Protein backbone atom coordinates (compact mmCIF):
# COMPACT_ATOMS: atom_id res chain seq x y z
CA MET A 1 -14.06 32.64 7.04
CA SER A 2 -15.41 29.46 8.59
CA LYS A 3 -16.90 29.13 12.02
CA LEU A 4 -13.48 28.31 13.51
CA ASP A 5 -11.71 31.21 11.83
CA VAL A 6 -9.64 29.00 9.49
CA PRO A 7 -9.09 31.23 6.46
CA VAL A 8 -9.27 29.65 3.02
CA ARG A 9 -7.00 32.34 1.54
CA GLY A 10 -3.69 33.74 2.54
CA ASP A 11 -0.30 32.24 3.32
CA GLY A 12 -0.54 28.50 2.59
CA LEU A 13 1.45 27.28 5.63
CA GLU A 14 -0.39 29.57 8.08
CA VAL A 15 -3.76 28.31 6.66
CA LEU A 16 -2.58 24.71 6.90
CA GLU A 17 -1.20 25.03 10.36
CA ALA A 18 -4.40 26.67 11.60
CA PHE A 19 -6.49 23.88 10.11
CA LEU A 20 -4.27 21.06 11.49
CA GLU A 21 -4.59 22.60 14.99
CA SER A 22 -8.33 23.27 14.75
CA ASP A 23 -11.14 21.03 16.09
CA ARG A 24 -12.11 20.05 12.59
CA SER A 25 -8.83 18.23 12.06
CA PRO A 26 -8.86 14.73 13.67
CA PRO A 27 -7.30 14.40 17.09
CA ASP A 28 -4.60 12.04 15.71
CA SER A 29 -3.76 14.09 12.67
CA MET A 30 -0.27 15.34 12.08
CA VAL A 31 0.79 18.84 13.12
CA LEU A 32 2.86 20.94 10.70
CA SER A 33 6.29 19.66 11.90
CA ASP A 34 5.10 16.07 11.65
CA LEU A 35 3.76 16.77 8.18
CA ASP A 36 7.11 18.23 7.03
CA GLY A 37 9.03 15.13 8.19
CA PHE A 38 6.43 12.82 6.61
CA LEU A 39 6.46 14.67 3.33
CA THR A 40 10.32 14.70 3.28
CA ALA A 41 10.37 10.92 3.81
CA ILE A 42 7.95 10.42 0.93
CA ALA A 43 9.85 12.85 -1.29
CA ILE A 44 13.28 11.16 -0.74
CA GLY A 45 12.03 7.61 -0.94
CA PRO A 46 13.04 5.30 -3.82
CA ASP A 47 9.48 4.94 -5.13
CA LEU A 48 6.92 7.43 -6.14
CA ILE A 49 3.91 7.24 -3.86
CA LYS A 50 0.62 8.74 -5.09
CA PRO A 51 -0.91 11.51 -2.96
CA SER A 52 -4.10 9.40 -2.85
CA GLU A 53 -2.07 6.80 -0.88
CA TRP A 54 -0.34 9.16 1.63
CA LEU A 55 -2.97 11.90 2.18
CA PRO A 56 -5.17 9.72 4.31
CA VAL A 57 -2.19 8.97 6.62
CA ILE A 58 -1.98 12.67 7.54
CA TRP A 59 -5.34 12.52 9.20
CA GLY A 60 -4.75 9.36 11.33
CA ASP A 61 -7.75 7.04 11.71
CA ASP A 62 -10.32 9.71 11.00
CA GLU A 63 -11.25 12.25 8.33
CA PRO A 64 -11.10 15.99 8.53
CA VAL A 65 -14.26 18.11 8.45
CA PHE A 66 -13.99 20.86 5.83
CA ALA A 67 -16.34 23.80 5.97
CA ASP A 68 -16.90 23.85 2.18
CA GLU A 69 -15.25 22.97 -1.15
CA ALA A 70 -13.13 26.16 -1.00
CA GLU A 71 -11.54 25.11 2.31
CA THR A 72 -11.06 21.60 1.05
CA GLN A 73 -9.15 22.91 -1.93
CA ALA A 74 -7.17 25.39 0.20
CA ILE A 75 -6.06 22.72 2.69
CA LEU A 76 -5.33 20.02 0.24
CA GLY A 77 -3.65 22.50 -2.07
CA SER A 78 -1.42 23.68 0.83
CA ILE A 79 -0.37 20.17 1.56
CA LEU A 80 0.49 19.53 -2.05
CA ASP A 81 2.30 22.84 -2.36
CA ARG A 82 4.39 21.94 0.73
CA TYR A 83 5.23 18.59 -0.75
CA ASN A 84 6.32 20.22 -4.01
CA GLU A 85 8.45 22.74 -2.10
CA ILE A 86 10.21 19.92 -0.27
CA LEU A 87 10.73 18.05 -3.59
CA HIS A 88 12.26 21.19 -5.01
CA ASP A 89 14.59 21.67 -2.07
CA ILE A 90 16.04 18.16 -2.21
CA PRO A 91 19.52 18.42 -3.86
CA ALA A 92 19.94 16.50 -7.12
CA GLY A 93 20.94 12.92 -6.48
CA HIS A 94 19.74 12.78 -2.91
CA ARG A 95 16.78 10.49 -3.35
CA LEU A 96 17.15 7.06 -1.99
CA ALA A 97 17.83 4.29 -4.49
CA PRO A 98 15.85 1.02 -4.21
CA GLY A 99 17.18 -0.84 -1.27
CA GLY A 100 16.94 2.18 1.02
CA VAL A 101 19.00 3.24 3.96
CA GLY A 102 21.88 1.11 5.20
CA THR A 103 22.57 -0.62 1.92
CA ALA A 104 25.20 1.82 0.56
CA ALA A 105 22.65 2.69 -2.11
CA ARG A 106 23.86 4.64 -5.06
CA VAL A 107 21.97 7.46 -6.71
CA ARG A 108 23.01 8.45 -10.20
CA GLY A 109 26.36 6.85 -9.59
CA ALA A 110 27.20 8.88 -6.41
CA ARG A 111 27.25 7.57 -2.93
CA LEU A 112 24.72 9.19 -0.60
CA PRO A 113 26.54 11.54 1.85
CA ALA A 114 27.03 10.19 5.32
CA LEU A 115 25.60 12.08 8.25
CA PRO A 116 28.17 13.87 10.31
CA ASP A 117 29.34 12.34 13.57
CA PRO A 118 27.33 14.26 16.36
CA GLY A 119 30.41 14.18 18.57
CA ALA A 120 32.40 16.03 15.92
CA VAL A 121 30.00 18.90 15.52
CA ARG A 122 31.33 22.08 17.07
CA ARG A 123 29.06 24.45 18.86
């Protein structure tokens, strides 16, 4: 356990959430819900972006303070695990093709599904 009680073992998302909300995570860093949206956008994008390019964005304009190498590995491993979970959950053919949103992009020959009309959703 570190001084701020951020465990380096245990459930990855709980460890990650605790770290992101701790004083050792920069004030402008993402919280877990922000991180999920960010990782989803990277995962469905038309181009592969290396983690070395997107990991610094998570922390904002500053760098996190890790207690030791074990915590560094636990936190970065949790982020990469979450990214891989999101990649796994994306249905086949739902990544954006080059050209992106709004261009009627095709993925593996199939049109991307349209979002439902919010007015048509029944509650």
